Amino acid sequence: MKKEYTYILIAYVAMQFSFIIGQPLVYQIGIKLFHQSAQTMKVMTSPIWIVISFILGLIVILFMLSKSERKEFNRVAPLPVSQSIAWAIGGIFLTFLAQYVAIMIETLLGIQQGSQNTERILTLITKFPLVILVSSIVGPILEEIVFRKIIFGSLRKRFSFFISGLISSIIFGLAHQEIPHLLLYTLLGFSLAFLYERTKRITVSMFAHVTMNTIVVISQFAQPTMEHAAQNHNVYRIIGGFIYETTSFWFN
């Protein structure tokens, strides 16, 4: 692995744990400089620091990545732009289909649907709407750089696509800290790795990931209650079911 990639991974991990220092700092600044109440800052500190840390993390990581790209001379030629656009759009449906399949398997295994991670994100958005930038845009871009560009890409230089995609996707799933839904995150990660492998453009998997997250967040806020949306994963079922029915129509 290139040293720049190692630095990016360190920066990403540091960003994840930066709340240890960042949140107390935001809390004190809110009280002393902006004269907010202690109760207000208890509620707002976490979402504010999430937005700050992720945006700063993205800026730092993109800078390091650009330096790494300038030093890379033997890159594989990416798919033409027109074909990449088609894959990016189709990739949105691919990610939903992967999650739909995972949900069906989890249901058969008796795994209760509902994501604590999703509920937490939606709660933070209600407190501080700018968090939607992190959940829908900044977060997915960072994850594609770390888990697909760096981890999958580095593994791919030594192993087959399947092994590289599987290992990187399991790591991606474990990073979300929801072991009951490891299969869901793994299949999602694998579908995104496939998009990157097929097009050799990280922007393609980024686009699919960003669009998918945005659709999920918007659709869940459109539900009557946040809890109902998180528990039923309706958007996955609707889109996945649409793809399944369309495929069945053409191949039967």
Foldseek 3Di string as FASTA:
>chain_A
DDVLLVVLVVLVVCLVVVCVPQLVVQLVCCCPVVVDDNVLSVLQSVLVSNLVSLVVSLVVSVVSVVVVVVPDDDADDFDDPVVLVVLLVVLLLQLLLLLLVLVVVLVVVVQFFFDPLQVVLLSSCVSPVVSCCCQQASVLLSCLCNLQVRQLVVVVVPDPLVVSLQVSQLVQLVVSVDVSSSSSSSSSSSSLNVSCVRGVDSVSSSSSRNVNRNVLSVVCVVDPDNRVCRRPVVVSNVSNVVVVVVVVVVPD
